[in-house]
N, C-alpha and C. Protein backbone atom coordinates (compact mmCIF):
# COMPACT_ATOMS: atom_id res chain seq x y z
N MET A 1 8.86 18.79 4.01
CA MET A 1 8.17 18.69 2.80
C MET A 1 6.93 18.59 2.34
N ARG A 2 6.55 18.10 0.91
CA ARG A 2 5.65 18.98 -0.01
C ARG A 2 4.73 17.69 0.11
N ILE A 3 3.15 18.23 0.48
CA ILE A 3 2.15 16.98 0.78
C ILE A 3 0.65 17.48 -0.75
N LEU A 4 0.61 16.75 -1.08
CA LEU A 4 -0.69 17.26 -2.01
C LEU A 4 -2.14 16.36 -1.36
N ILE A 5 -3.04 17.38 -1.08
CA ILE A 5 -4.35 16.63 -0.73
C ILE A 5 -5.08 17.01 -1.93
N VAL A 6 -5.84 15.78 -1.85
CA VAL A 6 -6.88 15.42 -3.13
C VAL A 6 -7.91 15.29 -2.40
N GLU A 7 -8.52 16.46 -2.35
CA GLU A 7 -10.63 15.93 -1.62
C GLU A 7 -11.21 17.27 -2.27
N ASP A 8 -12.01 16.50 -2.53
CA ASP A 8 -13.27 17.71 -2.89
C ASP A 8 -14.32 18.26 -1.97
N ASN A 9 -13.58 17.80 -0.38
CA ASN A 9 -14.51 18.26 0.74
C ASN A 9 -13.49 20.10 1.07
N GLU A 10 -14.18 20.90 0.20
CA GLU A 10 -13.36 22.05 0.59
C GLU A 10 -12.65 22.19 1.73
N LYS A 11 -14.26 22.47 2.58
CA LYS A 11 -14.14 22.76 4.16
C LYS A 11 -12.78 21.64 5.35
N LEU A 12 -13.48 20.36 4.69
CA LEU A 12 -12.36 19.75 5.45
C LEU A 12 -10.60 19.74 4.72
N SER A 13 -10.61 19.86 3.12
CA SER A 13 -8.95 20.17 2.63
C SER A 13 -8.61 21.28 3.34
N LYS A 14 -9.49 22.26 3.29
CA LYS A 14 -8.89 23.56 3.71
C LYS A 14 -7.97 22.95 5.18
N TYR A 15 -8.83 22.54 6.28
CA TYR A 15 -8.62 22.76 7.58
C TYR A 15 -7.66 21.20 7.35
N THR A 16 -6.93 20.20 6.95
CA THR A 16 -6.53 19.52 6.61
C THR A 16 -5.33 20.06 6.52
N LYS A 17 -4.97 20.69 4.91
CA LYS A 17 -4.06 22.06 4.98
C LYS A 17 -3.50 22.55 5.98
N GLN A 18 -4.85 23.61 6.89
CA GLN A 18 -3.77 23.98 8.15
C GLN A 18 -3.49 23.57 8.57
N MET A 19 -3.88 22.56 9.49
CA MET A 19 -2.81 21.54 10.22
C MET A 19 -1.45 20.69 9.49
N LEU A 20 -1.76 20.65 8.65
CA LEU A 20 -0.22 20.09 8.54
C LEU A 20 0.81 21.57 8.32
N GLU A 21 0.16 22.21 7.92
CA GLU A 21 1.01 23.62 7.61
C GLU A 21 1.40 24.40 8.89
N GLU A 22 0.92 23.57 9.91
CA GLU A 22 0.95 24.12 11.30
C GLU A 22 2.06 23.34 11.46
N GLU A 23 2.49 22.23 11.29
CA GLU A 23 3.53 20.84 11.70
C GLU A 23 4.45 21.11 10.98
N GLY A 24 4.45 22.26 10.15
CA GLY A 24 5.54 22.98 9.16
C GLY A 24 5.66 22.24 7.76
N TYR A 25 4.53 21.52 6.91
CA TYR A 25 4.94 21.19 6.02
C TYR A 25 4.57 22.10 4.97
N ALA A 26 4.99 21.73 3.70
CA ALA A 26 4.41 22.54 2.61
C ALA A 26 3.03 22.07 1.75
N VAL A 27 2.26 22.79 1.64
CA VAL A 27 0.95 21.69 1.27
C VAL A 27 0.15 21.93 0.06
N ASP A 28 -0.09 21.34 -0.96
CA ASP A 28 -1.19 21.74 -2.11
C ASP A 28 -2.22 21.05 -2.21
N SER A 29 -3.50 22.02 -3.12
CA SER A 29 -4.29 20.90 -2.65
C SER A 29 -5.19 21.12 -4.15
N SER A 30 -5.83 19.85 -4.31
CA SER A 30 -6.91 19.74 -5.69
C SER A 30 -8.18 18.81 -5.16
N TYR A 31 -9.06 19.36 -6.03
CA TYR A 31 -10.53 19.35 -5.90
C TYR A 31 -11.45 18.08 -6.28
N ASP A 32 -10.24 17.38 -7.37
CA ASP A 32 -10.64 16.25 -8.75
C ASP A 32 -9.95 15.68 -8.45
N GLY A 33 -10.26 13.89 -9.08
CA GLY A 33 -8.92 13.09 -9.56
C GLY A 33 -8.65 13.58 -10.20
N GLU A 34 -8.56 13.93 -11.56
CA GLU A 34 -7.85 14.38 -12.98
C GLU A 34 -6.99 15.25 -12.56
N ALA A 35 -7.27 16.68 -11.43
CA ALA A 35 -6.34 17.76 -10.90
C ALA A 35 -5.34 17.26 -10.85
N GLY A 36 -5.78 16.41 -9.23
CA GLY A 36 -5.06 15.66 -8.41
C GLY A 36 -3.72 14.46 -9.02
N GLU A 37 -4.21 14.33 -9.93
CA GLU A 37 -3.35 12.62 -10.74
C GLU A 37 -1.97 13.54 -11.31
N ARG A 38 -2.68 14.89 -12.42
CA ARG A 38 -1.25 15.35 -12.87
C ARG A 38 -0.56 16.04 -12.04
N MET A 39 -0.84 16.64 -10.21
CA MET A 39 0.06 17.12 -9.55
C MET A 39 0.78 16.21 -9.19
N ALA A 40 0.60 14.83 -8.87
CA ALA A 40 1.35 13.65 -8.15
C ALA A 40 1.75 13.35 -9.15
N ARG A 41 1.96 13.20 -10.56
CA ARG A 41 2.80 13.32 -11.34
C ARG A 41 3.79 14.51 -11.51
N SER A 42 4.09 14.96 -10.87
CA SER A 42 5.08 16.00 -11.25
C SER A 42 5.74 16.15 -10.49
N GLY A 43 6.29 15.23 -9.42
CA GLY A 43 7.48 15.04 -8.75
C GLY A 43 7.95 16.41 -8.20
N SER A 44 6.46 17.22 -7.52
CA SER A 44 7.11 17.89 -6.58
C SER A 44 6.45 17.21 -5.38
N HIS A 45 6.12 16.19 -4.74
CA HIS A 45 5.14 16.14 -3.39
C HIS A 45 6.30 14.99 -3.29
N ASP A 46 6.04 15.03 -1.78
CA ASP A 46 6.62 13.55 -0.64
C ASP A 46 5.59 12.57 -1.09
N LEU A 47 4.00 13.02 -0.24
CA LEU A 47 3.45 12.54 0.11
C LEU A 47 2.06 13.26 -0.77
N VAL A 48 1.07 12.04 -0.78
CA VAL A 48 -0.78 12.61 -0.65
C VAL A 48 -1.43 11.88 -0.01
N ILE A 49 -2.61 12.90 0.10
CA ILE A 49 -3.48 12.31 0.76
C ILE A 49 -4.35 12.78 -0.10
N LEU A 50 -5.13 11.01 0.25
CA LEU A 50 -6.00 10.96 -1.58
C LEU A 50 -7.71 10.59 -0.96
N ASP A 51 -8.73 10.99 -1.45
CA ASP A 51 -10.23 10.84 -1.13
C ASP A 51 -10.60 9.82 -2.34
N ILE A 52 -11.40 8.95 -1.63
CA ILE A 52 -11.57 8.07 -2.85
C ILE A 52 -13.11 8.53 -3.66
N MET A 53 -13.64 9.12 -2.78
CA MET A 53 -14.95 9.36 -3.71
C MET A 53 -14.62 10.91 -4.20
N LEU A 54 -14.39 10.96 -5.79
CA LEU A 54 -13.68 11.91 -6.38
C LEU A 54 -14.51 12.89 -7.61
N PRO A 55 -14.83 13.81 -7.94
CA PRO A 55 -15.53 13.65 -8.91
C PRO A 55 -14.46 13.60 -10.17
N LYS A 56 -14.69 13.60 -11.44
CA LYS A 56 -13.51 13.15 -12.74
C LYS A 56 -12.96 11.99 -12.84
N LYS A 57 -12.70 12.01 -11.58
CA LYS A 57 -11.77 10.49 -11.74
C LYS A 57 -11.59 10.41 -9.85
N ASP A 58 -12.27 8.79 -9.61
CA ASP A 58 -12.00 8.70 -8.13
C ASP A 58 -10.91 7.88 -7.58
N GLY A 59 -10.33 7.83 -6.57
CA GLY A 59 -9.18 7.96 -6.38
C GLY A 59 -8.77 6.57 -6.22
N ILE A 60 -9.48 5.44 -6.36
CA ILE A 60 -8.96 4.04 -6.75
C ILE A 60 -8.17 4.30 -8.25
N SER A 61 -8.62 4.68 -8.96
CA SER A 61 -8.49 4.86 -10.15
C SER A 61 -7.35 5.91 -10.12
N VAL A 62 -6.90 6.80 -9.40
CA VAL A 62 -5.92 7.60 -9.74
C VAL A 62 -4.72 6.73 -9.11
N CYS A 63 -4.93 6.21 -7.96
CA CYS A 63 -4.49 5.82 -7.54
C CYS A 63 -3.53 4.39 -8.18
N LYS A 64 -4.36 3.13 -8.58
CA LYS A 64 -3.92 2.04 -10.10
C LYS A 64 -2.83 2.95 -10.83
N SER A 65 -3.47 4.31 -11.51
CA SER A 65 -3.25 4.58 -12.64
C SER A 65 -1.64 5.45 -12.09
N LEU A 66 -1.52 5.81 -10.49
CA LEU A 66 -0.09 6.17 -10.21
C LEU A 66 1.03 4.81 -9.93
N ARG A 67 0.44 3.75 -9.47
CA ARG A 67 1.19 2.64 -9.03
C ARG A 67 1.45 2.03 -10.67
N ASP A 68 0.44 2.03 -11.81
CA ASP A 68 1.15 1.29 -12.89
C ASP A 68 2.30 1.81 -13.56
N ASP A 69 2.29 3.34 -13.29
CA ASP A 69 3.50 3.68 -13.66
C ASP A 69 4.64 4.06 -13.23
N ASN A 70 4.99 3.58 -11.99
CA ASN A 70 5.39 3.42 -11.00
C ASN A 70 6.00 4.73 -10.60
N VAL A 71 4.50 5.52 -10.12
CA VAL A 71 4.81 6.79 -9.27
C VAL A 71 4.31 6.41 -7.69
N ASN A 72 5.66 6.00 -7.36
CA ASN A 72 6.10 5.27 -5.87
C ASN A 72 5.54 6.50 -4.58
N LEU A 73 5.70 7.58 -4.97
CA LEU A 73 5.23 8.60 -3.84
C LEU A 73 3.96 7.65 -2.71
N PRO A 74 4.54 7.64 -1.46
CA PRO A 74 3.60 7.78 -0.51
C PRO A 74 2.34 7.94 -0.80
N ILE A 75 1.38 7.02 -0.09
CA ILE A 75 -0.32 7.95 -0.26
C ILE A 75 -1.26 7.09 0.62
N ILE A 76 -2.36 8.02 1.31
CA ILE A 76 -2.84 7.84 2.19
C ILE A 76 -3.75 8.00 1.75
N MET A 77 -4.73 6.76 1.85
CA MET A 77 -6.40 7.07 1.20
C MET A 77 -7.35 6.72 2.28
N ILE A 78 -8.55 7.79 2.40
CA ILE A 78 -8.93 8.63 2.66
C ILE A 78 -10.73 8.75 2.00
N THR A 79 -11.53 8.10 2.93
CA THR A 79 -12.86 7.52 2.80
C THR A 79 -14.04 7.44 3.80
N ALA A 80 -14.94 7.51 3.46
CA ALA A 80 -16.13 7.90 4.40
C ALA A 80 -16.54 6.13 4.54
N LYS A 81 -16.34 4.93 3.68
CA LYS A 81 -16.68 3.71 3.82
C LYS A 81 -15.98 3.48 4.53
N GLU A 82 -16.85 2.26 4.94
CA GLU A 82 -16.26 1.45 6.63
C GLU A 82 -16.43 0.16 5.77
N GLY A 83 -16.73 -0.90 4.80
CA GLY A 83 -16.62 -2.15 5.07
C GLY A 83 -15.36 -3.22 4.64
N LEU A 84 -15.18 -3.96 5.05
CA LEU A 84 -13.78 -4.67 5.12
C LEU A 84 -13.35 -4.71 3.54
N ASN A 85 -14.00 -5.17 2.14
CA ASN A 85 -13.67 -5.16 1.02
C ASN A 85 -13.61 -3.96 0.57
N ASP A 86 -14.20 -2.55 0.84
CA ASP A 86 -13.63 -1.58 0.25
C ASP A 86 -11.77 -0.75 1.00
N LYS A 87 -11.72 -1.34 2.39
CA LYS A 87 -10.65 -1.12 2.43
C LYS A 87 -9.64 -2.07 2.03
N ILE A 88 -9.97 -3.36 1.59
CA ILE A 88 -8.65 -4.11 0.91
C ILE A 88 -8.95 -3.71 -0.54
N LEU A 89 -10.05 -3.12 -1.28
CA LEU A 89 -9.94 -2.43 -2.58
C LEU A 89 -9.19 -0.77 -2.57
N GLY A 90 -9.05 -0.35 -1.24
CA GLY A 90 -8.07 0.38 -1.37
C GLY A 90 -6.86 0.62 -1.39
N LEU A 91 -6.40 -0.47 -0.46
CA LEU A 91 -5.27 -1.15 0.15
C LEU A 91 -4.70 -1.52 -1.38
N ASP A 92 -5.41 -2.61 -2.38
CA ASP A 92 -5.15 -3.26 -3.07
C ASP A 92 -4.71 -2.39 -4.34
N SER A 93 -4.89 -0.96 -4.49
CA SER A 93 -4.69 -0.56 -5.19
C SER A 93 -3.35 0.08 -5.93
N GLY A 94 -3.40 0.25 -3.87
CA GLY A 94 -1.57 0.94 -4.14
C GLY A 94 -1.16 1.59 -2.88
N ALA A 95 -2.81 2.04 -2.00
CA ALA A 95 -2.60 2.96 -0.82
C ALA A 95 -1.65 2.55 -0.15
N ASP A 96 -0.45 2.97 0.17
CA ASP A 96 -0.08 2.78 1.78
C ASP A 96 -0.79 2.96 2.92
N ASP A 97 -1.79 3.36 3.08
CA ASP A 97 -2.25 2.97 4.56
C ASP A 97 -3.88 4.16 4.32
N TYR A 98 -4.53 3.74 5.19
CA TYR A 98 -6.07 4.14 4.97
C TYR A 98 -6.62 5.08 6.25
N LEU A 99 -7.74 5.55 6.17
CA LEU A 99 -7.99 6.14 7.15
C LEU A 99 -9.88 6.95 7.02
N ILE A 100 -10.30 6.10 6.99
CA ILE A 100 -12.03 6.33 7.78
C ILE A 100 -12.66 7.26 8.28
N LYS A 101 -12.78 8.99 7.25
CA LYS A 101 -13.64 9.71 7.84
C LYS A 101 -15.12 9.25 9.07
N PRO A 102 -15.78 9.70 9.74
CA PRO A 102 -14.74 11.35 10.71
C PRO A 102 -13.12 10.36 10.67
N PHE A 103 -11.57 10.71 10.82
CA PHE A 103 -11.08 10.39 11.80
C PHE A 103 -10.25 12.06 12.38
N ASP A 104 -9.72 11.41 13.46
CA ASP A 104 -8.72 12.38 14.55
C ASP A 104 -7.64 12.62 13.60
N MET A 105 -7.78 14.29 14.04
CA MET A 105 -6.23 15.12 12.87
C MET A 105 -5.18 14.72 13.67
N GLU A 106 -4.63 14.12 15.42
CA GLU A 106 -3.64 13.64 15.46
C GLU A 106 -2.95 12.49 14.54
N GLU A 107 -4.26 11.34 14.54
CA GLU A 107 -3.93 10.03 13.53
C GLU A 107 -3.58 10.44 12.11
N LEU A 108 -3.68 11.56 11.87
CA LEU A 108 -3.21 11.52 10.27
C LEU A 108 -1.96 12.49 10.33
N LEU A 109 -1.53 12.90 11.20
CA LEU A 109 -0.75 13.25 11.47
C LEU A 109 1.02 12.30 11.80
N ALA A 110 0.42 11.77 12.91
CA ALA A 110 0.91 10.65 13.08
C ALA A 110 1.41 9.93 11.67
N ARG A 111 0.26 9.42 11.00
CA ARG A 111 0.53 8.51 9.65
C ARG A 111 1.46 8.82 9.15
N VAL A 112 0.96 10.64 8.82
CA VAL A 112 2.02 10.99 7.39
C VAL A 112 3.33 10.91 8.06
N ARG A 113 3.76 11.36 9.46
CA ARG A 113 5.09 11.49 10.02
C ARG A 113 5.47 9.67 9.74
N ALA A 114 4.65 8.92 10.10
CA ALA A 114 5.77 7.89 9.89
C ALA A 114 6.05 7.14 8.45
N LEU A 115 4.95 7.60 7.74
CA LEU A 115 5.24 7.27 6.13
C LEU A 115 6.40 8.25 5.82
N LEU A 116 6.83 9.25 6.22
CA LEU A 116 7.67 9.61 5.57
C LEU A 116 8.76 10.04 6.01
N ARG A 117 8.99 8.92 7.47
CA ARG A 117 10.26 8.41 8.20
C ARG A 117 10.81 7.26 7.65
N ARG A 118 9.59 6.60 6.53
CA ARG A 118 10.19 5.02 6.12
C ARG A 118 11.62 5.40 5.26
N PRO A 119 12.12 4.01 4.73
CA PRO A 119 13.30 4.82 4.69
C PRO A 119 13.30 4.17 3.07
N LYS A 120 13.60 4.87 2.23
CA LYS A 120 14.06 4.76 0.53
C LYS A 120 14.91 3.21 0.91
N GLU A 121 14.57 2.14 0.23
CA GLU A 121 14.61 0.58 0.22
C GLU A 121 15.01 0.48 -0.85
N LYS A 122 16.72 -0.28 -0.89
CA LYS A 122 17.20 -0.06 -2.16
C LYS A 122 16.73 -1.55 -2.83
N VAL A 123 16.34 -1.51 -3.88
CA VAL A 123 15.86 -2.30 -4.70
C VAL A 123 15.99 -3.37 -5.07
N ILE A 124 15.78 -4.65 -5.04
CA ILE A 124 16.60 -6.24 -6.21
C ILE A 124 16.26 -6.06 -6.99
N LEU A 125 16.59 -6.02 -7.76
CA LEU A 125 16.05 -6.24 -9.45
C LEU A 125 15.51 -7.39 -9.59
N LYS A 126 15.68 -8.54 -9.41
CA LYS A 126 15.19 -9.84 -9.49
C LYS A 126 15.28 -10.93 -8.24
N LEU A 127 14.59 -11.07 -7.82
CA LEU A 127 14.13 -12.42 -7.04
C LEU A 127 14.00 -13.73 -7.52
N GLU A 128 15.04 -14.86 -7.24
CA GLU A 128 14.58 -16.41 -7.69
C GLU A 128 14.77 -17.55 -6.57
N ILE A 129 13.57 -18.09 -5.99
CA ILE A 129 13.00 -18.81 -4.97
C ILE A 129 12.56 -20.31 -5.42
N GLN A 130 12.58 -21.33 -5.74
CA GLN A 130 12.19 -22.58 -6.07
C GLN A 130 12.12 -22.48 -7.65
N ASN A 131 11.10 -22.03 -7.82
CA ASN A 131 10.53 -21.78 -9.67
C ASN A 131 9.81 -20.38 -9.38
N ILE A 132 10.01 -19.60 -8.08
CA ILE A 132 8.93 -18.32 -8.62
C ILE A 132 10.05 -17.21 -8.45
N VAL A 133 9.85 -16.57 -9.63
CA VAL A 133 10.75 -15.29 -9.75
C VAL A 133 10.24 -14.42 -10.03
N LEU A 134 10.53 -12.77 -9.23
CA LEU A 134 10.03 -11.47 -9.12
C LEU A 134 11.01 -10.83 -10.24
N ASP A 135 10.50 -10.30 -11.06
CA ASP A 135 11.47 -9.51 -11.81
C ASP A 135 10.77 -7.46 -11.62
N ASN A 136 11.38 -7.08 -10.50
CA ASN A 136 11.22 -5.84 -9.85
C ASN A 136 11.28 -4.42 -11.00
N SER A 137 12.29 -4.87 -12.26
CA SER A 137 12.74 -4.41 -13.00
C SER A 137 11.11 -3.82 -13.80
N LYS A 138 10.14 -4.77 -14.46
CA LYS A 138 8.93 -4.65 -14.66
C LYS A 138 8.05 -5.06 -13.95
N HIS A 139 8.30 -5.29 -12.82
CA HIS A 139 6.98 -5.90 -11.65
C HIS A 139 6.23 -6.55 -12.72
N ILE A 140 7.38 -8.08 -12.62
CA ILE A 140 6.22 -9.25 -13.29
C ILE A 140 6.81 -10.36 -12.12
N ALA A 141 5.83 -11.70 -11.71
CA ALA A 141 6.29 -12.25 -10.88
C ALA A 141 5.93 -13.33 -11.79
N THR A 142 6.65 -14.37 -11.81
CA THR A 142 6.37 -16.05 -13.03
C THR A 142 6.58 -16.90 -11.86
N GLN A 143 6.05 -18.33 -12.41
CA GLN A 143 6.05 -19.51 -11.75
C GLN A 143 6.49 -20.40 -12.95
N LYS A 144 7.11 -21.45 -12.65
CA LYS A 144 7.91 -21.96 -13.48
C LYS A 144 7.45 -21.43 -15.07
N GLY A 145 7.78 -20.18 -15.31
CA GLY A 145 7.88 -19.38 -16.39
C GLY A 145 6.56 -18.89 -16.77
N VAL A 146 5.88 -19.26 -15.81
CA VAL A 146 4.21 -18.53 -16.36
C VAL A 146 4.05 -17.66 -15.87
N THR A 147 3.73 -16.03 -16.05
CA THR A 147 3.22 -15.37 -15.24
C THR A 147 1.98 -15.30 -14.01
N LEU A 148 1.98 -14.81 -13.06
CA LEU A 148 1.41 -14.73 -12.16
C LEU A 148 -0.02 -12.93 -12.27
N ASN A 149 -0.42 -13.70 -11.86
CA ASN A 149 -1.82 -12.17 -11.83
C ASN A 149 -1.53 -12.02 -10.40
N LEU A 150 -0.64 -11.04 -10.14
CA LEU A 150 -0.97 -10.72 -8.75
C LEU A 150 -1.49 -9.06 -8.50
N THR A 151 -2.06 -8.79 -7.89
CA THR A 151 -2.90 -7.54 -6.96
C THR A 151 -1.08 -6.60 -6.82
N LEU A 152 -1.46 -5.39 -7.13
CA LEU A 152 -0.09 -4.70 -5.78
C LEU A 152 0.28 -5.08 -4.78
N LYS A 153 -0.74 -5.43 -3.71
CA LYS A 153 -0.57 -5.65 -2.45
C LYS A 153 -0.07 -7.31 -2.21
N GLU A 154 -0.59 -8.25 -3.20
CA GLU A 154 0.00 -9.69 -3.04
C GLU A 154 1.33 -9.63 -3.42
N TYR A 155 2.08 -8.75 -4.75
CA TYR A 155 3.24 -8.79 -5.20
C TYR A 155 4.51 -8.41 -3.69
N SER A 156 3.92 -7.46 -2.99
CA SER A 156 4.62 -6.91 -1.85
C SER A 156 4.71 -7.76 -1.13
N ILE A 157 3.87 -8.08 -0.75
CA ILE A 157 3.97 -9.22 0.49
C ILE A 157 4.42 -10.73 0.34
N LEU A 158 4.51 -11.13 -1.43
CA LEU A 158 5.30 -12.12 -2.08
C LEU A 158 7.05 -11.74 -1.55
N GLU A 159 7.12 -10.44 -1.71
CA GLU A 159 8.09 -10.37 -1.94
C GLU A 159 9.03 -9.32 -0.82
N TYR A 160 7.71 -9.43 -0.01
CA TYR A 160 8.34 -9.23 1.67
C TYR A 160 8.77 -10.66 1.94
N LEU A 161 8.07 -11.44 1.59
CA LEU A 161 8.81 -13.31 2.50
C LEU A 161 9.59 -13.66 1.27
N MET A 162 9.70 -13.37 0.12
CA MET A 162 11.14 -14.26 -0.78
C MET A 162 12.17 -13.26 0.14
N LEU A 163 12.35 -12.13 0.10
CA LEU A 163 13.59 -11.08 0.72
C LEU A 163 13.71 -11.72 2.15
N ASN A 164 12.98 -12.21 3.20
CA ASN A 164 13.23 -12.47 4.03
C ASN A 164 13.12 -14.07 4.66
N ALA A 165 12.99 -14.98 2.53
CA ALA A 165 13.06 -16.78 2.82
C ALA A 165 13.83 -17.62 3.83
N ASP A 166 13.09 -18.34 4.90
CA ASP A 166 13.67 -19.66 5.76
C ASP A 166 13.65 -18.38 6.94
N GLN A 167 13.33 -17.19 7.11
CA GLN A 167 12.78 -16.60 8.18
C GLN A 167 11.31 -16.12 8.50
N VAL A 168 10.79 -16.63 9.66
CA VAL A 168 9.52 -16.21 10.55
C VAL A 168 8.96 -14.80 9.88
N VAL A 169 8.52 -14.52 9.44
CA VAL A 169 8.03 -12.95 9.23
C VAL A 169 6.33 -13.04 10.20
N THR A 170 6.26 -12.03 10.88
CA THR A 170 4.81 -11.80 11.73
C THR A 170 3.80 -11.06 11.34
N ARG A 171 2.38 -11.51 11.25
CA ARG A 171 1.32 -10.76 10.79
C ARG A 171 1.76 -8.54 11.33
N GLU A 172 2.42 -8.79 12.11
CA GLU A 172 2.70 -7.11 12.56
C GLU A 172 3.20 -6.96 11.61
N GLN A 173 5.08 -7.64 10.81
CA GLN A 173 5.68 -7.33 10.08
C GLN A 173 5.33 -6.60 8.67
N LEU A 174 4.48 -7.84 8.49
CA LEU A 174 3.43 -7.84 7.16
C LEU A 174 2.74 -6.29 7.44
N LEU A 175 2.15 -6.46 8.07
CA LEU A 175 1.24 -4.87 8.17
C LEU A 175 1.69 -3.43 8.29
N GLU A 176 3.57 -3.65 8.78
CA GLU A 176 3.99 -2.62 9.10
C GLU A 176 4.51 -2.31 7.76
N HIS A 177 5.32 -3.23 6.50
CA HIS A 177 6.21 -2.83 5.66
C HIS A 177 5.41 -3.00 4.63
N CYS A 178 4.07 -3.40 4.65
CA CYS A 178 3.39 -3.21 3.02
C CYS A 178 2.07 -2.65 3.35
N TRP A 179 1.81 -1.87 4.29
CA TRP A 179 0.45 -0.92 4.34
C TRP A 179 1.22 0.06 5.78
N ASP A 180 2.44 -0.30 6.16
CA ASP A 180 2.97 1.24 6.94
C ASP A 180 1.88 1.64 8.48
N PHE A 181 1.11 -0.15 8.91
CA PHE A 181 0.53 0.47 9.84
C PHE A 181 0.16 -0.62 10.22
N ALA A 182 -0.50 -1.19 11.74
CA ALA A 182 -0.66 -2.38 12.67
C ALA A 182 -1.54 -2.37 13.95
N TYR A 183 -3.01 -2.42 13.49
CA TYR A 183 -3.80 -2.54 14.69
C TYR A 183 -4.83 -3.73 14.72
N SER A 184 -5.44 -3.36 15.56
CA SER A 184 -6.52 -5.01 15.83
C SER A 184 -7.26 -4.86 14.27
N ALA A 185 -8.23 -3.36 14.23
CA ALA A 185 -9.03 -3.63 13.29
C ALA A 185 -8.59 -4.53 11.76
N PHE A 186 -7.21 -4.46 11.42
CA PHE A 186 -6.90 -4.35 10.25
C PHE A 186 -5.60 -6.74 10.86
N SER A 187 -6.36 -7.07 11.86
CA SER A 187 -6.31 -7.99 12.70
C SER A 187 -5.78 -9.40 11.94
N ASN A 188 -6.91 -9.61 10.43
CA ASN A 188 -7.24 -10.75 9.92
C ASN A 188 -6.72 -10.55 8.54
N ILE A 189 -5.97 -8.97 8.13
CA ILE A 189 -5.68 -8.74 6.40
C ILE A 189 -4.79 -9.45 6.25
N THR A 190 -4.01 -10.17 6.43
CA THR A 190 -2.82 -10.71 5.97
C THR A 190 -3.31 -12.38 5.69
N ASP A 191 -4.01 -12.48 6.44
CA ASP A 191 -4.23 -13.81 6.81
C ASP A 191 -5.11 -13.90 5.16
N VAL A 192 -6.08 -13.30 4.49
CA VAL A 192 -7.05 -12.81 3.69
C VAL A 192 -5.92 -13.12 2.37
N TYR A 193 -4.33 -12.16 2.67
CA TYR A 193 -3.95 -11.94 1.25
C TYR A 193 -3.25 -13.12 1.51
N ILE A 194 -2.57 -14.17 2.08
CA ILE A 194 -2.12 -14.94 2.22
C ILE A 194 -2.58 -15.95 1.91
N LYS A 195 -3.84 -16.69 1.85
CA LYS A 195 -4.78 -17.07 1.12
C LYS A 195 -5.29 -17.09 -0.18
N GLN A 196 -5.52 -15.50 -0.65
CA GLN A 196 -4.97 -15.32 -1.81
C GLN A 196 -3.94 -15.96 -3.09
N LEU A 197 -2.85 -15.15 -2.43
CA LEU A 197 -1.39 -16.22 -2.57
C LEU A 197 -1.20 -17.35 -3.33
N ARG A 198 -1.43 -17.86 -1.54
CA ARG A 198 -1.78 -19.48 -1.76
C ARG A 198 -2.40 -20.34 -2.79
N LYS A 199 -3.26 -19.46 -3.28
CA LYS A 199 -4.55 -20.08 -4.37
C LYS A 199 -3.75 -19.58 -5.66
N LYS A 200 -3.18 -18.44 -6.08
CA LYS A 200 -3.20 -18.01 -7.02
C LYS A 200 -1.22 -19.41 -7.32
N LEU A 201 -0.79 -19.79 -5.94
CA LEU A 201 0.38 -19.99 -6.38
C LEU A 201 0.76 -21.28 -6.45
N LYS A 202 -0.84 -21.83 -6.27
CA LYS A 202 -1.37 -23.82 -6.55
C LYS A 202 -0.73 -23.90 -5.40
N ASP A 203 -0.67 -23.50 -4.28
CA ASP A 203 -0.27 -23.93 -2.54
C ASP A 203 -0.94 -24.82 -1.69
N THR A 204 -1.62 -25.72 -2.31
CA THR A 204 -1.99 -26.28 -0.93
C THR A 204 -1.18 -27.27 -0.40
N ASN A 205 0.13 -27.21 -0.29
CA ASN A 205 0.46 -28.20 0.65
C ASN A 205 1.72 -27.27 1.26
N GLU A 206 2.04 -26.27 1.57
CA GLU A 206 2.59 -24.97 1.96
C GLU A 206 4.12 -25.34 1.03
N LYS A 207 4.08 -25.90 -0.01
CA LYS A 207 5.19 -26.20 -0.69
C LYS A 207 6.04 -24.81 -0.44
N TYR A 208 5.53 -23.47 -0.36
CA TYR A 208 6.46 -22.48 -0.78
C TYR A 208 5.66 -21.10 0.58
N ILE A 209 4.83 -21.30 1.22
CA ILE A 209 4.58 -20.63 2.34
C ILE A 209 3.91 -21.23 3.19
N LYS A 210 4.41 -21.43 4.68
CA LYS A 210 4.47 -22.47 6.17
C LYS A 210 3.98 -21.28 6.53
N THR A 211 3.07 -21.80 7.38
CA THR A 211 2.05 -21.54 8.37
C THR A 211 2.89 -20.86 9.61
N ILE A 212 3.47 -20.61 10.59
CA ILE A 212 3.79 -20.79 11.76
C ILE A 212 3.23 -20.23 12.84
N ARG A 213 1.67 -20.94 13.17
CA ARG A 213 1.24 -20.95 13.93
C ARG A 213 1.46 -20.17 15.29
N GLY A 214 0.47 -19.04 14.60
CA GLY A 214 0.11 -17.68 16.21
C GLY A 214 1.33 -17.24 16.33
N VAL A 215 1.68 -17.29 15.31
CA VAL A 215 3.07 -16.46 14.57
C VAL A 215 3.00 -15.06 13.09
N GLY A 216 2.92 -16.42 12.21
CA GLY A 216 3.11 -15.62 10.90
C GLY A 216 3.41 -16.61 9.79
N TYR A 217 4.69 -16.20 8.90
CA TYR A 217 4.43 -17.04 8.14
C TYR A 217 5.88 -17.05 7.59
N THR A 218 6.62 -18.67 6.84
CA THR A 218 7.80 -18.11 6.41
C THR A 218 7.92 -18.52 4.67
N PHE A 219 8.48 -18.10 3.90
CA PHE A 219 9.01 -18.77 2.38
C PHE A 219 10.08 -19.71 2.34
N LYS A 220 9.41 -20.65 2.00
CA LYS A 220 10.61 -21.68 1.88
C LYS A 220 11.72 -21.52 0.47
N SER A 221 12.48 -22.10 1.11
CA SER A 221 13.94 -21.83 0.31
C SER A 221 13.94 -22.97 -1.00
N LYS A 222 13.66 -24.22 -0.23
CA LYS A 222 13.79 -25.36 -0.59
C LYS A 222 12.43 -26.52 -0.51
């Protein structure tokens, strides 16, 4: 497995590289966003560790650019920012996971292992339930033929709910599937995104997404 570190703090980058190499990974490094993005697009890596505050191009922009062009390798975002809005912004740009500096190296290694053993899922090209259609070949969601302006994470959550229509999906399942982690610091993040989804779907009476109190949600097929 080959990992790319995009981090402008040379000391932290070298230490992280050393720890990953000791675990048996091949590791490449970049110290600015533009070079890091070029390397991520090369197809040579299995995972990217991406800092947000980078010279030339910030990590949020790099992540969005990669996802817009369907570069789907796992991304762990690293930042010194701690606010919930910053976390949501990072995850919404398409990151799979998020760590705040200073972080424990063992935790980073555990998250790397979790992402790398995530199974490659067979993509269903089109999902259609009620009047909602997801076209995964174009990454477009429509409602009654009208395109929905969904963020990457909103699309991912909607897709997972629709794939499991009429089944109860727990908050933990959403966290694990859409972000690949589940812990108390993000206990309310699924609720935030469900609220945003409902607003965009004009789902005021739970026509689409029904809350299962104390458990999670279900997407209604009819």
